[in-house]
Amino acid sequence: MRNHMEHVAQALQVDKLGATSLFSKETGINGFPLILSLQTLEVPHSFPLDVMHLIYQGVISRVLMPLFAGTFWNDNSVSGDDEVRVPKEVWKQMGSEIAVCIYILIIKSLTKLKTFYCVDW
C-alpha cells in the first residue's frame, strides 16, 4: 500500500500525463484531488476501511479467501522462505493453541450451568 507522499507524487504525475494515461490506470488515480491540499489529511491513514474496498473491490475474494484456503500462492515460482508464507508447522501450532482456548471456554461456560441436557446444546 502506498504512503501519503507516494500518493501525492503519483497524483501529480497523473496530472501531468492525463487521466487517460496508462499510469493513471495502473495507479487508479485520475488526478490531483483538492482534498489532498489539506495539511491535516494523510492518505491512507485518514480513511478507515469500508465495505466497498474490503468486499466489492475484491480484497476479500481475491486475497483473504485464497489465503485462508491455502491457494493464494499456487505458483511454484517462489522457492524457499519468502518471509510472507506461514509454515505449516506454525499453522498447526496456532490451531492447537486455539483449540485449547475454545475447549477451556466451553468447559467454563458449561460449569456455570446448573443443569445441562444434550438437547440444550
PDB file of N, CA and C in Angstrom:
ATOM      1  N   MET A   1       0.840  -1.160   0.000  1.00  0.00           N
ATOM      2  CA  MET A   1       0.000   0.000   0.000  1.00  0.00           C
ATOM      3  C   MET A   1       0.895   1.237   0.000  1.00  0.00           C
ATOM      4  N   ARG A   2       0.545   2.194  -0.797  1.00  0.00           N
ATOM      5  CA  ARG A   2       1.379   3.396  -0.874  1.00  0.00           C
ATOM      6  C   ARG A   2       1.144   4.314   0.323  1.00  0.00           C
ATOM      7  N   ASN A   3       2.167   5.086   0.655  1.00  0.00           N
ATOM      8  CA  ASN A   3       2.029   6.044   1.752  1.00  0.00           C
ATOM      9  C   ASN A   3       1.552   7.390   1.194  1.00  0.00           C
ATOM     10  N   HIS A   4       1.426   8.375   2.074  1.00  0.00           N
ATOM     11  CA  HIS A   4       0.883   9.676   1.681  1.00  0.00           C
ATOM     12  C   HIS A   4       1.732  10.360   0.607  1.00  0.00           C
ATOM     13  N   MET A   5       3.026  10.371   0.798  1.00  0.00           N
ATOM     14  CA  MET A   5       3.900  11.061  -0.159  1.00  0.00           C
ATOM     15  C   MET A   5       3.876  10.388  -1.529  1.00  0.00           C
ATOM     16  N   GLU A   6       3.840   9.063  -1.541  1.00  0.00           N
ATOM     17  CA  GLU A   6       3.751   8.344  -2.817  1.00  0.00           C
ATOM     18  C   GLU A   6       2.438   8.650  -3.519  1.00  0.00           C
ATOM     19  N   HIS A   7       1.344   8.726  -2.748  1.00  0.00           N
ATOM     20  CA  HIS A   7       0.042   9.035  -3.330  1.00  0.00           C
ATOM     21  C   HIS A   7       0.037  10.427  -3.955  1.00  0.00           C
ATOM     22  N   VAL A   8       0.585  11.399  -3.231  1.00  0.00           N
ATOM     23  CA  VAL A   8       0.646  12.775  -3.741  1.00  0.00           C
ATOM     24  C   VAL A   8       1.505  12.828  -5.003  1.00  0.00           C
ATOM     25  N   ALA A   9       2.665  12.173  -4.979  1.00  0.00           N
ATOM     26  CA  ALA A   9       3.560  12.171  -6.142  1.00  0.00           C
ATOM     27  C   ALA A   9       2.887  11.522  -7.351  1.00  0.00           C
ATOM     28  N   GLN A  10       2.185  10.412  -7.123  1.00  0.00           N
ATOM     29  CA  GLN A  10       1.509   9.739  -8.225  1.00  0.00           C
ATOM     30  C   GLN A  10       0.345  10.583  -8.752  1.00  0.00           C
ATOM     31  N   ALA A  11      -0.358  11.275  -7.863  1.00  0.00           N
ATOM     32  CA  ALA A  11      -1.450  12.149  -8.298  1.00  0.00           C
ATOM     33  C   ALA A  11      -0.916  13.297  -9.147  1.00  0.00           C
ATOM     34  N   LEU A  12       0.216  13.859  -8.756  1.00  0.00           N
ATOM     35  CA  LEU A  12       0.830  14.935  -9.553  1.00  0.00           C
ATOM     36  C   LEU A  12       1.301  14.402 -10.911  1.00  0.00           C
ATOM     37  N   GLN A  13       1.821  13.192 -10.927  1.00  0.00           N
ATOM     38  CA  GLN A  13       2.262  12.574 -12.182  1.00  0.00           C
ATOM     39  C   GLN A  13       1.070  12.353 -13.112  1.00  0.00           C
ATOM     40  N   VAL A  14      -0.046  11.922 -12.557  1.00  0.00           N
ATOM     41  CA  VAL A  14      -1.255  11.714 -13.370  1.00  0.00           C
ATOM     42  C   VAL A  14      -1.732  13.052 -13.924  1.00  0.00           C
ATOM     43  N   ASP A  15      -1.613  14.118 -13.123  1.00  0.00           N
ATOM     44  CA  ASP A  15      -1.983  15.444 -13.627  1.00  0.00           C
ATOM     45  C   ASP A  15      -1.156  15.818 -14.853  1.00  0.00           C
ATOM     46  N   LYS A  16       0.122  15.458 -14.833  1.00  0.00           N
ATOM     47  CA  LYS A  16       0.992  15.747 -15.980  1.00  0.00           C
ATOM     48  C   LYS A  16       0.630  14.897 -17.193  1.00  0.00           C
ATOM     49  N   LEU A  17       0.443  13.590 -16.957  1.00  0.00           N
ATOM     50  CA  LEU A  17       0.237  12.651 -18.060  1.00  0.00           C
ATOM     51  C   LEU A  17      -1.202  12.600 -18.555  1.00  0.00           C
ATOM     52  N   GLY A  18      -2.143  12.929 -17.700  1.00  0.00           N
ATOM     53  CA  GLY A  18      -3.548  12.888 -18.075  1.00  0.00           C
ATOM     54  C   GLY A  18      -4.267  11.691 -17.474  1.00  0.00           C
ATOM     55  N   ALA A  19      -5.567  11.863 -17.277  1.00  0.00           N
ATOM     56  CA  ALA A  19      -6.375  10.837 -16.620  1.00  0.00           C
ATOM     57  C   ALA A  19      -6.575   9.602 -17.486  1.00  0.00           C
ATOM     58  N   THR A  20      -6.302   9.710 -18.775  1.00  0.00           N
ATOM     59  CA  THR A  20      -6.478   8.552 -19.658  1.00  0.00           C
ATOM     60  C   THR A  20      -5.168   7.807 -19.897  1.00  0.00           C
ATOM     61  N   SER A  21      -4.118   8.215 -19.215  1.00  0.00           N
ATOM     62  CA  SER A  21      -2.811   7.583 -19.415  1.00  0.00           C
ATOM     63  C   SER A  21      -2.767   6.191 -18.790  1.00  0.00           C
ATOM     64  N   LEU A  22      -1.817   5.412 -19.231  1.00  0.00           N
ATOM     65  CA  LEU A  22      -1.612   4.073 -18.680  1.00  0.00           C
ATOM     66  C   LEU A  22      -1.235   4.156 -17.200  1.00  0.00           C
ATOM     67  N   PHE A  23      -0.445   5.170 -16.831  1.00  0.00           N
ATOM     68  CA  PHE A  23      -0.045   5.362 -15.437  1.00  0.00           C
ATOM     69  C   PHE A  23      -1.270   5.580 -14.552  1.00  0.00           C
ATOM     70  N   SER A  24      -2.238   6.331 -15.040  1.00  0.00           N
ATOM     71  CA  SER A  24      -3.474   6.566 -14.298  1.00  0.00           C
ATOM     72  C   SER A  24      -4.235   5.268 -14.076  1.00  0.00           C
ATOM     73  N   LYS A  25      -4.288   4.448 -15.110  1.00  0.00           N
ATOM     74  CA  LYS A  25      -4.993   3.171 -14.991  1.00  0.00           C
ATOM     75  C   LYS A  25      -4.272   2.223 -14.038  1.00  0.00           C
ATOM     76  N   GLU A  26      -2.954   2.233 -14.067  1.00  0.00           N
ATOM     77  CA  GLU A  26      -2.179   1.350 -13.189  1.00  0.00           C
ATOM     78  C   GLU A  26      -2.289   1.747 -11.719  1.00  0.00           C
ATOM     79  N   THR A  27      -2.342   3.039 -11.445  1.00  0.00           N
ATOM     80  CA  THR A  27      -2.389   3.513 -10.065  1.00  0.00           C
ATOM     81  C   THR A  27      -3.804   3.672  -9.535  1.00  0.00           C
ATOM     82  N   GLY A  28      -4.779   3.803 -10.431  1.00  0.00           N
ATOM     83  CA  GLY A  28      -6.158   4.029 -10.008  1.00  0.00           C
ATOM     84  C   GLY A  28      -6.415   5.463  -9.596  1.00  0.00           C
ATOM     85  N   ILE A  29      -5.512   6.350  -9.964  1.00  0.00           N
ATOM     86  CA  ILE A  29      -5.655   7.774  -9.639  1.00  0.00           C
ATOM     87  C   ILE A  29      -6.007   8.521 -10.917  1.00  0.00           C
ATOM     88  N   ASN A  30      -7.040   9.373 -10.837  1.00  0.00           N
ATOM     89  CA  ASN A  30      -7.494  10.114 -12.022  1.00  0.00           C
ATOM     90  C   ASN A  30      -6.987  11.542 -12.081  1.00  0.00           C
ATOM     91  N   GLY A  31      -6.370  12.006 -11.025  1.00  0.00           N
ATOM     92  CA  GLY A  31      -5.867  13.374 -10.984  1.00  0.00           C
ATOM     93  C   GLY A  31      -5.544  13.758  -9.555  1.00  0.00           C
ATOM     94  N   PHE A  32      -5.163  15.010  -9.366  1.00  0.00           N
ATOM     95  CA  PHE A  32      -4.816  15.501  -8.035  1.00  0.00           C
ATOM     96  C   PHE A  32      -6.066  16.078  -7.386  1.00  0.00           C
ATOM     97  N   PRO A  33      -6.616  15.406  -6.370  1.00  0.00           N
ATOM     98  CA  PRO A  33      -7.831  15.918  -5.732  1.00  0.00           C
ATOM     99  C   PRO A  33      -7.518  17.083  -4.801  1.00  0.00           C
ATOM    100  N   LEU A  34      -8.424  18.035  -4.727  1.00  0.00           N
ATOM    101  CA  LEU A  34      -8.216  19.207  -3.877  1.00  0.00           C
ATOM    102  C   LEU A  34      -8.111  18.837  -2.401  1.00  0.00           C
ATOM    103  N   ILE A  35      -8.742  17.746  -2.008  1.00  0.00           N
ATOM    104  CA  ILE A  35      -8.711  17.350  -0.606  1.00  0.00           C
ATOM    105  C   ILE A  35      -7.287  17.031  -0.137  1.00  0.00           C
ATOM    106  N   LEU A  36      -6.404  16.660  -1.072  1.00  0.00           N
ATOM    107  CA  LEU A  36      -5.014  16.384  -0.687  1.00  0.00           C
ATOM    108  C   LEU A  36      -4.258  17.646  -0.284  1.00  0.00           C
ATOM    109  N   SER A  37      -4.816  18.815  -0.567  1.00  0.00           N
ATOM    110  CA  SER A  37      -4.150  20.053  -0.167  1.00  0.00           C
ATOM    111  C   SER A  37      -4.349  20.352   1.321  1.00  0.00           C
ATOM    112  N   LEU A  38      -5.257  19.624   1.975  1.00  0.00           N
ATOM    113  CA  LEU A  38      -5.432  19.792   3.420  1.00  0.00           C
ATOM    114  C   LEU A  38      -4.228  19.205   4.151  1.00  0.00           C
ATOM    115  N   GLN A  39      -3.632  19.986   5.032  1.00  0.00           N
ATOM    116  CA  GLN A  39      -2.446  19.514   5.738  1.00  0.00           C
ATOM    117  C   GLN A  39      -2.776  18.507   6.827  1.00  0.00           C
ATOM    118  N   THR A  40      -4.020  18.465   7.245  1.00  0.00           N
ATOM    119  CA  THR A  40      -4.411  17.524   8.293  1.00  0.00           C
ATOM    120  C   THR A  40      -4.763  16.155   7.734  1.00  0.00           C
ATOM    121  N   LEU A  41      -4.802  16.023   6.435  1.00  0.00           N
ATOM    122  CA  LEU A  41      -5.171  14.764   5.801  1.00  0.00           C
ATOM    123  C   LEU A  41      -3.925  13.975   5.431  1.00  0.00           C
ATOM    124  N   GLU A  42      -3.971  12.683   5.684  1.00  0.00           N
ATOM    125  CA  GLU A  42      -2.867  11.819   5.294  1.00  0.00           C
ATOM    126  C   GLU A  42      -3.434  10.516   4.731  1.00  0.00           C
ATOM    127  N   VAL A  43      -3.130  10.273   3.469  1.00  0.00           N
ATOM    128  CA  VAL A  43      -3.578   9.054   2.803  1.00  0.00           C
ATOM    129  C   VAL A  43      -2.591   7.950   3.155  1.00  0.00           C
ATOM    130  N   PRO A  44      -2.961   6.776   3.518  1.00  0.00           N
ATOM    131  CA  PRO A  44      -4.301   6.207   3.654  1.00  0.00           C
ATOM    132  C   PRO A  44      -4.832   6.254   5.079  1.00  0.00           C
ATOM    133  N   HIS A  45      -4.082   6.823   6.017  1.00  0.00           N
ATOM    134  CA  HIS A  45      -4.434   6.748   7.438  1.00  0.00           C
ATOM    135  C   HIS A  45      -5.695   7.530   7.795  1.00  0.00           C
ATOM    136  N   SER A  46      -6.054   8.518   6.993  1.00  0.00           N
ATOM    137  CA  SER A  46      -7.237   9.317   7.295  1.00  0.00           C
ATOM    138  C   SER A  46      -8.523   8.655   6.822  1.00  0.00           C
ATOM    139  N   PHE A  47      -8.406   7.508   6.152  1.00  0.00           N
ATOM    140  CA  PHE A  47      -9.585   6.846   5.610  1.00  0.00           C
ATOM    141  C   PHE A  47      -9.681   5.426   6.164  1.00  0.00           C
ATOM    142  N   PRO A  48     -10.714   5.158   6.959  1.00  0.00           N
ATOM    143  CA  PRO A  48     -10.866   3.807   7.502  1.00  0.00           C
ATOM    144  C   PRO A  48     -11.277   2.820   6.408  1.00  0.00           C
ATOM    145  N   LEU A  49     -11.082   1.543   6.681  1.00  0.00           N
ATOM    146  CA  LEU A  49     -11.523   0.517   5.750  1.00  0.00           C
ATOM    147  C   LEU A  49     -13.043   0.515   5.704  1.00  0.00           C
ATOM    148  N   ASP A  50     -13.588   0.282   4.525  1.00  0.00           N
ATOM    149  CA  ASP A  50     -15.030   0.255   4.381  1.00  0.00           C
ATOM    150  C   ASP A  50     -15.439  -0.952   3.549  1.00  0.00           C
ATOM    151  N   VAL A  51     -16.734  -1.193   3.502  1.00  0.00           N
ATOM    152  CA  VAL A  51     -17.266  -2.362   2.817  1.00  0.00           C
ATOM    153  C   VAL A  51     -16.888  -2.364   1.341  1.00  0.00           C
ATOM    154  N   MET A  52     -16.953  -1.224   0.693  1.00  0.00           N
ATOM    155  CA  MET A  52     -16.642  -1.175  -0.738  1.00  0.00           C
ATOM    156  C   MET A  52     -15.222  -1.652  -1.017  1.00  0.00           C
ATOM    157  N   HIS A  53     -14.271  -1.169  -0.244  1.00  0.00           N
ATOM    158  CA  HIS A  53     -12.889  -1.532  -0.512  1.00  0.00           C
ATOM    159  C   HIS A  53     -12.549  -2.937  -0.036  1.00  0.00           C
ATOM    160  N   LEU A  54     -13.225  -3.400   1.006  1.00  0.00           N
ATOM    161  CA  LEU A  54     -12.946  -4.736   1.504  1.00  0.00           C
ATOM    162  C   LEU A  54     -13.598  -5.821   0.657  1.00  0.00           C
ATOM    163  N   ILE A  55     -14.844  -5.614   0.284  1.00  0.00           N
ATOM    164  CA  ILE A  55     -15.580  -6.674  -0.399  1.00  0.00           C
ATOM    165  C   ILE A  55     -15.741  -6.401  -1.885  1.00  0.00           C
ATOM    166  N   TYR A  56     -16.289  -5.256  -2.225  1.00  0.00           N
ATOM    167  CA  TYR A  56     -16.643  -5.005  -3.614  1.00  0.00           C
ATOM    168  C   TYR A  56     -15.441  -4.866  -4.531  1.00  0.00           C
ATOM    169  N   GLN A  57     -14.325  -4.409  -4.021  1.00  0.00           N
ATOM    170  CA  GLN A  57     -13.154  -4.304  -4.879  1.00  0.00           C
ATOM    171  C   GLN A  57     -12.263  -5.534  -4.787  1.00  0.00           C
ATOM    172  N   GLY A  58     -12.723  -6.542  -4.098  1.00  0.00           N
ATOM    173  CA  GLY A  58     -12.099  -7.842  -4.193  1.00  0.00           C
ATOM    174  C   GLY A  58     -11.009  -8.212  -3.221  1.00  0.00           C
ATOM    175  N   VAL A  59     -10.794  -7.417  -2.183  1.00  0.00           N
ATOM    176  CA  VAL A  59      -9.741  -7.793  -1.240  1.00  0.00           C
ATOM    177  C   VAL A  59     -10.088  -9.117  -0.581  1.00  0.00           C
ATOM    178  N   ILE A  60     -11.329  -9.257  -0.170  1.00  0.00           N
ATOM    179  CA  ILE A  60     -11.753 -10.488   0.484  1.00  0.00           C
ATOM    180  C   ILE A  60     -11.679 -11.657  -0.491  1.00  0.00           C
ATOM    181  N   SER A  61     -12.297 -11.480  -1.660  1.00  0.00           N
ATOM    182  CA  SER A  61     -12.394 -12.614  -2.585  1.00  0.00           C
ATOM    183  C   SER A  61     -11.074 -12.937  -3.272  1.00  0.00           C
ATOM    184  N   ARG A  62     -10.246 -11.923  -3.523  1.00  0.00           N
ATOM    185  CA  ARG A  62      -9.003 -12.184  -4.256  1.00  0.00           C
ATOM    186  C   ARG A  62      -7.800 -12.416  -3.363  1.00  0.00           C
ATOM    187  N   VAL A  63      -7.884 -12.013  -2.092  1.00  0.00           N
ATOM    188  CA  VAL A  63      -6.723 -12.160  -1.219  1.00  0.00           C
ATOM    189  C   VAL A  63      -7.026 -13.039  -0.010  1.00  0.00           C
ATOM    190  N   LEU A  64      -7.979 -12.614   0.819  1.00  0.00           N
ATOM    191  CA  LEU A  64      -8.187 -13.330   2.077  1.00  0.00           C
ATOM    192  C   LEU A  64      -8.729 -14.740   1.895  1.00  0.00           C
ATOM    193  N   MET A  65      -9.715 -14.925   1.016  1.00  0.00           N
ATOM    194  CA  MET A  65     -10.269 -16.265   0.825  1.00  0.00           C
ATOM    195  C   MET A  65      -9.212 -17.237   0.290  1.00  0.00           C
ATOM    196  N   PRO A  66      -8.464 -16.883  -0.772  1.00  0.00           N
ATOM    197  CA  PRO A  66      -7.403 -17.800  -1.208  1.00  0.00           C
ATOM    198  C   PRO A  66      -6.312 -17.998  -0.150  1.00  0.00           C
ATOM    199  N   LEU A  67      -6.051 -16.958   0.641  1.00  0.00           N
ATOM    200  CA  LEU A  67      -5.037 -17.078   1.687  1.00  0.00           C
ATOM    201  C   LEU A  67      -5.458 -18.108   2.727  1.00  0.00           C
ATOM    202  N   PHE A  68      -6.713 -18.022   3.184  1.00  0.00           N
ATOM    203  CA  PHE A  68      -7.200 -18.966   4.178  1.00  0.00           C
ATOM    204  C   PHE A  68      -7.407 -20.354   3.591  1.00  0.00           C
ATOM    205  N   ALA A  69      -7.707 -20.433   2.294  1.00  0.00           N
ATOM    206  CA  ALA A  69      -7.905 -21.732   1.648  1.00  0.00           C
ATOM    207  C   ALA A  69      -6.581 -22.401   1.301  1.00  0.00           C
ATOM    208  N   GLY A  70      -5.487 -21.667   1.433  1.00  0.00           N
ATOM    209  CA  GLY A  70      -4.179 -22.228   1.116  1.00  0.00           C
ATOM    210  C   GLY A  70      -3.867 -22.236  -0.364  1.00  0.00           C
ATOM    211  N   THR A  71      -4.600 -21.452  -1.153  1.00  0.00           N
ATOM    212  CA  THR A  71      -4.372 -21.421  -2.598  1.00  0.00           C
ATOM    213  C   THR A  71      -3.838 -20.075  -3.079  1.00  0.00           C
ATOM    214  N   PHE A  72      -3.470 -19.189  -2.151  1.00  0.00           N
ATOM    215  CA  PHE A  72      -3.019 -17.853  -2.547  1.00  0.00           C
ATOM    216  C   PHE A  72      -1.709 -17.909  -3.324  1.00  0.00           C
ATOM    217  N   TRP A  73      -0.798 -18.773  -2.902  1.00  0.00           N
ATOM    218  CA  TRP A  73       0.492 -18.897  -3.574  1.00  0.00           C
ATOM    219  C   TRP A  73       0.524 -20.187  -4.379  1.00  0.00           C
ATOM    220  N   ASN A  74      -0.288 -20.286  -5.387  1.00  0.00           N
ATOM    221  CA  ASN A  74      -0.328 -21.515  -6.178  1.00  0.00           C
ATOM    222  C   ASN A  74       0.840 -21.638  -7.144  1.00  0.00           C
ATOM    223  N   ASP A  75       1.440 -20.528  -7.531  1.00  0.00           N
ATOM    224  CA  ASP A  75       2.571 -20.653  -8.461  1.00  0.00           C
ATOM    225  C   ASP A  75       3.781 -21.186  -7.713  1.00  0.00           C
ATOM    226  N   ASN A  76       4.512 -22.015  -8.363  1.00  0.00           N
ATOM    227  CA  ASN A  76       5.687 -22.638  -7.747  1.00  0.00           C
ATOM    228  C   ASN A  76       6.962 -21.860  -8.020  1.00  0.00           C
ATOM    229  N   SER A  77       6.811 -20.623  -8.512  1.00  0.00           N
ATOM    230  CA  SER A  77       7.990 -19.834  -8.839  1.00  0.00           C
ATOM    231  C   SER A  77       8.719 -19.355  -7.594  1.00  0.00           C
ATOM    232  N   VAL A  78       8.002 -19.268  -6.471  1.00  0.00           N
ATOM    233  CA  VAL A  78       8.633 -18.830  -5.235  1.00  0.00           C
ATOM    234  C   VAL A  78       9.209 -20.048  -4.539  1.00  0.00           C
ATOM    235  N   SER A  79      10.475 -19.991  -4.254  1.00  0.00           N
ATOM    236  CA  SER A  79      11.100 -21.115  -3.556  1.00  0.00           C
ATOM    237  C   SER A  79      11.725 -20.614  -2.271  1.00  0.00           C
ATOM    238  N   GLY A  80      11.760 -21.466  -1.285  1.00  0.00           N
ATOM    239  CA  GLY A  80      12.364 -21.090  -0.014  1.00  0.00           C
ATOM    240  C   GLY A  80      11.448 -20.221   0.815  1.00  0.00           C
ATOM    241  N   ASP A  81      12.014 -19.546   1.800  1.00  0.00           N
ATOM    242  CA  ASP A  81      11.255 -18.703   2.703  1.00  0.00           C
ATOM    243  C   ASP A  81      11.084 -17.325   2.080  1.00  0.00           C
ATOM    244  N   ASP A  82       9.850 -16.979   1.726  1.00  0.00           N
ATOM    245  CA  ASP A  82       9.604 -15.666   1.131  1.00  0.00           C
ATOM    246  C   ASP A  82       9.235 -14.634   2.188  1.00  0.00           C
ATOM    247  N   GLU A  83       9.310 -14.993   3.475  1.00  0.00           N
ATOM    248  CA  GLU A  83       9.040 -14.136   4.622  1.00  0.00           C
ATOM    249  C   GLU A  83       7.594 -13.673   4.673  1.00  0.00           C
ATOM    250  N   VAL A  84       6.712 -14.280   3.878  1.00  0.00           N
ATOM    251  CA  VAL A  84       5.301 -13.937   3.885  1.00  0.00           C
ATOM    252  C   VAL A  84       4.464 -15.151   4.240  1.00  0.00           C
ATOM    253  N   ARG A  85       4.820 -16.291   3.694  1.00  0.00           N
ATOM    254  CA  ARG A  85       4.055 -17.505   3.944  1.00  0.00           C
ATOM    255  C   ARG A  85       4.248 -17.979   5.383  1.00  0.00           C
ATOM    256  N   VAL A  86       3.165 -18.473   5.947  1.00  0.00           N
ATOM    257  CA  VAL A  86       3.244 -19.045   7.284  1.00  0.00           C
ATOM    258  C   VAL A  86       3.470 -20.546   7.119  1.00  0.00           C
ATOM    259  N   PRO A  87       4.569 -21.077   7.671  1.00  0.00           N
ATOM    260  CA  PRO A  87       4.852 -22.507   7.519  1.00  0.00           C
ATOM    261  C   PRO A  87       3.749 -23.371   8.136  1.00  0.00           C
ATOM    262  N   LYS A  88       3.561 -24.571   7.590  1.00  0.00           N
ATOM    263  CA  LYS A  88       2.514 -25.478   8.067  1.00  0.00           C
ATOM    264  C   LYS A  88       2.663 -25.789   9.549  1.00  0.00           C
ATOM    265  N   GLU A  89       3.897 -25.910  10.018  1.00  0.00           N
ATOM    266  CA  GLU A  89       4.118 -26.209  11.429  1.00  0.00           C
ATOM    267  C   GLU A  89       3.559 -25.099  12.319  1.00  0.00           C
ATOM    268  N   VAL A  90       3.721 -23.861  11.882  1.00  0.00           N
ATOM    269  CA  VAL A  90       3.212 -22.729  12.659  1.00  0.00           C
ATOM    270  C   VAL A  90       1.687 -22.732  12.650  1.00  0.00           C
ATOM    271  N   TRP A  91       1.072 -23.012  11.474  1.00  0.00           N
ATOM    272  CA  TRP A  91      -0.391 -23.110  11.395  1.00  0.00           C
ATOM    273  C   TRP A  91      -0.899 -24.191  12.340  1.00  0.00           C
ATOM    274  N   LYS A  92      -0.225 -25.352  12.361  1.00  0.00           N
ATOM    275  CA  LYS A  92      -0.639 -26.451  13.240  1.00  0.00           C
ATOM    276  C   LYS A  92      -0.546 -26.035  14.704  1.00  0.00           C
ATOM    277  N   GLN A  93       0.542 -25.365  15.063  1.00  0.00           N
ATOM    278  CA  GLN A  93       0.721 -24.911  16.445  1.00  0.00           C
ATOM    279  C   GLN A  93      -0.362 -23.904  16.820  1.00  0.00           C
ATOM    280  N   MET A  94      -0.628 -22.953  15.934  1.00  0.00           N
ATOM    281  CA  MET A  94      -1.678 -21.962  16.216  1.00  0.00           C
ATOM    282  C   MET A  94      -3.033 -22.649  16.350  1.00  0.00           C
ATOM    283  N   GLY A  95      -3.319 -23.614  15.478  1.00  0.00           N
ATOM    284  CA  GLY A  95      -4.585 -24.336  15.537  1.00  0.00           C
ATOM    285  C   GLY A  95      -4.758 -25.088  16.835  1.00  0.00           C
ATOM    286  N   SER A  96      -3.691 -25.745  17.293  1.00  0.00           N
ATOM    287  CA  SER A  96      -3.791 -26.490  18.546  1.00  0.00           C
ATOM    288  C   SER A  96      -3.964 -25.543  19.733  1.00  0.00           C
ATOM    289  N   GLU A  97      -3.307 -24.400  19.709  1.00  0.00           N
ATOM    290  CA  GLU A  97      -3.466 -23.434  20.799  1.00  0.00           C
ATOM    291  C   GLU A  97      -4.874 -22.846  20.816  1.00  0.00           C
ATOM    292  N   ILE A  98      -5.415 -22.572  19.634  1.00  0.00           N
ATOM    293  CA  ILE A  98      -6.785 -22.047  19.560  1.00  0.00           C
ATOM    294  C   ILE A  98      -7.777 -23.108  20.028  1.00  0.00           C
ATOM    295  N   ALA A  99      -7.540 -24.367  19.648  1.00  0.00           N
ATOM    296  CA  ALA A  99      -8.429 -25.449  20.067  1.00  0.00           C
ATOM    297  C   ALA A  99      -8.465 -25.561  21.586  1.00  0.00           C
ATOM    298  N   VAL A 100      -7.315 -25.415  22.233  1.00  0.00           N
ATOM    299  CA  VAL A 100      -7.261 -25.476  23.697  1.00  0.00           C
ATOM    300  C   VAL A 100      -8.059 -24.321  24.292  1.00  0.00           C
ATOM    301  N   CYS A 101      -7.905 -23.140  23.725  1.00  0.00           N
ATOM    302  CA  CYS A 101      -8.653 -21.975  24.223  1.00  0.00           C
ATOM    303  C   CYS A 101     -10.151 -22.187  24.080  1.00  0.00           C
ATOM    304  N   ILE A 102     -10.587 -22.699  22.937  1.00  0.00           N
ATOM    305  CA  ILE A 102     -12.016 -22.945  22.710  1.00  0.00           C
ATOM    306  C   ILE A 102     -12.525 -23.987  23.688  1.00  0.00           C
ATOM    307  N   TYR A 103     -11.758 -25.047  23.896  1.00  0.00           N
ATOM    308  CA  TYR A 103     -12.140 -26.105  24.838  1.00  0.00           C
ATOM    309  C   TYR A 103     -12.311 -25.521  26.243  1.00  0.00           C
ATOM    310  N   ILE A 104     -11.367 -24.699  26.662  1.00  0.00           N
ATOM    311  CA  ILE A 104     -11.435 -24.099  28.001  1.00  0.00           C
ATOM    312  C   ILE A 104     -12.662 -23.202  28.116  1.00  0.00           C
ATOM    313  N   LEU A 105     -12.957 -22.429  27.080  1.00  0.00           N
ATOM    314  CA  LEU A 105     -14.136 -21.566  27.117  1.00  0.00           C
ATOM    315  C   LEU A 105     -15.419 -22.383  27.219  1.00  0.00           C
ATOM    316  N   ILE A 106     -15.495 -23.487  26.489  1.00  0.00           N
ATOM    317  CA  ILE A 106     -16.690 -24.335  26.542  1.00  0.00           C
ATOM    318  C   ILE A 106     -16.835 -24.942  27.930  1.00  0.00           C
ATOM    319  N   ILE A 107     -15.757 -25.472  28.478  1.00  0.00           N
ATOM    320  CA  ILE A 107     -15.805 -26.076  29.812  1.00  0.00           C
ATOM    321  C   ILE A 107     -16.219 -25.046  30.853  1.00  0.00           C
ATOM    322  N   LYS A 108     -15.651 -23.849  30.784  1.00  0.00           N
ATOM    323  CA  LYS A 108     -16.006 -22.806  31.754  1.00  0.00           C
ATOM    324  C   LYS A 108     -17.471 -22.426  31.630  1.00  0.00           C
ATOM    325  N   SER A 109     -17.984 -22.327  30.406  1.00  0.00           N
ATOM    326  CA  SER A 109     -19.384 -21.953  30.241  1.00  0.00           C
ATOM    327  C   SER A 109     -20.304 -23.066  30.720  1.00  0.00           C
ATOM    328  N   LEU A 110     -19.897 -24.341  30.531  1.00  0.00           N
ATOM    329  CA  LEU A 110     -20.729 -25.459  30.979  1.00  0.00           C
ATOM    330  C   LEU A 110     -20.748 -25.577  32.495  1.00  0.00           C
ATOM    331  N   THR A 111     -19.645 -25.242  33.148  1.00  0.00           N
ATOM    332  CA  THR A 111     -19.602 -25.360  34.601  1.00  0.00           C
ATOM    333  C   THR A 111     -20.466 -24.294  35.268  1.00  0.00           C
ATOM    334  N   LYS A 112     -20.793 -23.234  34.557  1.00  0.00           N
ATOM    335  CA  LYS A 112     -21.668 -22.199  35.106  1.00  0.00           C
ATOM    336  C   LYS A 112     -23.131 -22.629  35.072  1.00  0.00           C
ATOM    337  N   LEU A 113     -23.452 -23.613  34.223  1.00  0.00           N
ATOM    338  CA  LEU A 113     -24.824 -24.114  34.140  1.00  0.00           C
ATOM    339  C   LEU A 113     -25.084 -25.082  35.290  1.00  0.00           C
ATOM    340  N   LYS A 114     -26.253 -24.984  35.892  1.00  0.00           N
ATOM    341  CA  LYS A 114     -26.589 -25.911  36.970  1.00  0.00           C
ATOM    342  C   LYS A 114     -27.024 -27.254  36.404  1.00  0.00           C
ATOM    343  N   THR A 115     -27.783 -27.206  35.363  1.00  0.00           N
ATOM    344  CA  THR A 115     -28.198 -28.447  34.698  1.00  0.00           C
ATOM    345  C   THR A 115     -27.901 -28.308  33.222  1.00  0.00           C
ATOM    346  N   PHE A 116     -27.537 -29.398  32.630  1.00  0.00           N
ATOM    347  CA  PHE A 116     -27.196 -29.367  31.214  1.00  0.00           C
ATOM    348  C   PHE A 116     -27.737 -30.617  30.551  1.00  0.00           C
ATOM    349  N   TYR A 117     -28.485 -30.431  29.513  1.00  0.00           N
ATOM    350  CA  TYR A 117     -29.033 -31.538  28.747  1.00  0.00           C
ATOM    351  C   TYR A 117     -28.506 -31.470  27.322  1.00  0.00           C
ATOM    352  N   CYS A 118     -28.362 -32.614  26.676  1.00  0.00           N
ATOM    353  CA  CYS A 118     -27.877 -32.632  25.304  1.00  0.00           C
ATOM    354  C   CYS A 118     -28.766 -31.816  24.381  1.00  0.00           C
ATOM    355  N   VAL A 119     -30.051 -31.792  24.690  1.00  0.00           N
ATOM    356  CA  VAL A 119     -30.997 -31.023  23.874  1.00  0.00           C
ATOM    357  C   VAL A 119     -30.661 -29.539  23.936  1.00  0.00           C
ATOM    358  N   ASP A 120     -30.205 -29.074  25.087  1.00  0.00           N
ATOM    359  CA  ASP A 120     -29.853 -27.658  25.247  1.00  0.00           C
ATOM    360  C   ASP A 120     -28.632 -27.280  24.425  1.00  0.00           C
ATOM    361  N   TRP A 121     -27.761 -28.218  24.203  1.00  0.00           N
ATOM    362  CA  TRP A 121     -26.523 -27.933  23.479  1.00  0.00           C
ATOM    363  C   TRP A 121     -26.840 -27.615  22.062  1.00  0.00           C
TER     364      TRP A 121
END
